[in-house]
Amino acid sequence: MITRMAEEQRLSGAVAGGGLVWLAGQVADDASLDAEGQTADILAQIDALLAEAGTDKRALLSVTVVLADIRDAPAMNRAWDAWMDPAAKPARMTIQAALVDPRWKVEITGVALAPG
């Protein structure tokens, strides 16, 4: 069975199936925030999507963080470090790329285990 959450016109915010939850690229609801604030906003969205799927951040297997400007990595990492459970760190990659909306500084996607 496949479950789609937070469906929008072109995508689902998350899709669960086969024991996994795939997160779409999440961006901040408030694009006026700095990179640290946008990251915190996104991580709260990820918490909500994972909760809807019946899991949480401790089940994250891998995460990709996309920064519009790699110089924002320290600010993003401050929010990440405050949020992440140090006993359950996922594999993570951070890259720089242009984002669709120039106001966005951060986009995060990932894969988590779903409840069995």
Protein backbone atom coordinates (compact mmCIF):
# COMPACT_ATOMS: atom_id res chain seq x y z
CA MET A 1 0.00 0.00 0.00
CA ILE A 2 1.20 3.51 -0.83
CA THR A 3 0.20 6.49 1.29
CA ARG A 4 0.61 10.05 0.01
CA MET A 5 0.74 12.91 2.50
CA ALA A 6 0.47 16.69 2.12
CA GLU A 7 -0.55 16.41 -1.51
CA GLU A 8 -0.20 19.53 -3.65
CA GLN A 9 -0.82 20.25 -7.32
CA ARG A 10 2.40 18.64 -8.57
CA LEU A 11 3.68 16.50 -5.71
CA SER A 12 3.15 14.88 -2.36
CA GLY A 13 5.05 16.21 0.63
CA ALA A 14 5.85 12.62 1.57
CA VAL A 15 5.09 9.16 0.24
CA ALA A 16 5.13 6.02 2.40
CA GLY A 17 5.31 2.49 1.05
CA GLY A 18 7.38 -0.65 1.25
CA GLY A 19 8.55 0.16 4.75
CA LEU A 20 9.98 3.56 3.80
CA VAL A 21 8.94 7.21 3.82
CA TRP A 22 10.30 9.47 1.07
CA LEU A 23 10.23 13.20 1.75
CA ALA A 24 9.82 15.66 -1.11
CA GLY A 25 12.15 18.63 -1.04
CA GLN A 26 10.90 20.74 1.84
CA VAL A 27 11.33 24.52 1.82
CA ALA A 28 10.51 27.16 4.42
CA ASP A 29 6.96 28.47 4.69
CA ASP A 30 8.49 31.85 5.61
CA ALA A 31 11.04 32.70 2.93
CA SER A 32 11.95 35.96 4.71
CA LEU A 33 13.86 34.01 7.39
CA ASP A 34 17.65 33.64 7.32
CA ALA A 35 19.22 30.24 6.58
CA GLU A 36 19.08 29.12 10.22
CA GLY A 37 15.42 30.14 10.53
CA GLN A 38 14.49 28.51 7.22
CA THR A 39 16.22 25.30 8.30
CA ALA A 40 14.34 25.25 11.62
CA ASP A 41 11.06 25.85 9.74
CA ILE A 42 11.82 22.98 7.34
CA LEU A 43 12.81 20.60 10.14
CA ALA A 44 9.48 21.30 11.88
CA GLN A 45 7.73 20.41 8.62
CA ILE A 46 9.75 17.19 8.43
CA ASP A 47 8.75 16.35 12.01
CA ALA A 48 5.08 16.81 11.07
CA LEU A 49 5.32 14.72 7.88
CA LEU A 50 7.16 11.90 9.64
CA ALA A 51 4.61 11.96 12.49
CA GLU A 52 1.80 11.71 9.94
CA ALA A 53 3.59 8.65 8.52
CA GLY A 54 3.83 7.15 12.02
CA THR A 55 7.57 7.64 12.46
CA ASP A 56 10.04 10.34 13.51
CA LYS A 57 13.46 11.85 12.83
CA ARG A 58 15.23 8.98 14.60
CA ALA A 59 14.13 6.76 11.68
CA LEU A 60 15.78 8.95 9.03
CA LEU A 61 18.18 6.90 6.92
CA SER A 62 19.51 9.60 4.62
CA VAL A 63 19.06 13.34 4.13
CA THR A 64 20.10 15.71 1.36
CA VAL A 65 20.41 19.39 2.22
CA VAL A 66 20.52 21.83 -0.68
CA LEU A 67 21.83 25.32 0.03
CA ALA A 68 21.46 28.19 -2.42
CA ASP A 69 24.75 29.50 -1.00
CA ILE A 70 27.17 27.02 0.60
CA ARG A 71 28.36 29.83 2.89
CA ASP A 72 25.07 29.32 4.76
CA ALA A 73 26.25 25.87 5.92
CA PRO A 74 27.23 27.05 9.45
CA ALA A 75 23.80 28.69 9.96
CA MET A 76 22.00 25.60 8.61
CA ASN A 77 24.12 23.36 10.85
CA ARG A 78 23.17 25.36 13.97
CA ALA A 79 19.49 24.58 13.38
CA TRP A 80 20.31 21.00 12.35
CA ASP A 81 22.43 20.36 15.46
CA ALA A 82 19.69 21.74 17.75
CA TRP A 83 17.15 19.41 16.12
CA MET A 84 19.01 16.17 15.41
CA ASP A 85 19.10 13.35 17.94
CA PRO A 86 22.86 12.74 18.34
CA ALA A 87 22.20 9.02 18.89
CA ALA A 88 20.32 8.67 15.58
CA LYS A 89 22.17 10.67 12.94
CA PRO A 90 21.25 9.81 9.33
CA ALA A 91 23.66 9.72 6.43
CA ARG A 92 23.69 13.27 5.09
CA MET A 93 24.89 15.15 2.03
CA THR A 94 24.97 18.94 1.69
CA ILE A 95 25.27 20.58 -1.72
CA GLN A 96 24.91 24.01 -3.29
CA ALA A 97 22.39 24.54 -6.09
CA ALA A 98 20.04 27.22 -7.34
CA LEU A 99 16.57 26.85 -5.82
CA VAL A 100 13.34 27.60 -7.68
CA ASP A 101 12.45 30.67 -5.57
CA PRO A 102 15.45 32.98 -5.07
CA ARG A 103 14.20 33.79 -1.55
CA TRP A 104 14.70 30.17 -0.48
CA LYS A 105 18.06 29.50 1.11
CA VAL A 106 17.56 25.83 2.08
CA GLU A 107 15.75 22.75 0.77
CA ILE A 108 15.85 19.38 2.53
CA THR A 109 14.75 15.92 1.43
CA GLY A 110 15.27 12.48 2.90
CA VAL A 111 14.24 8.88 3.39
CA ALA A 112 13.09 7.30 6.67
CA LEU A 113 11.98 3.90 7.87
CA ALA A 114 8.23 3.57 8.22
CA PRO A 115 6.66 1.60 11.05
CA GLY A 116 6.60 -2.07 10.24
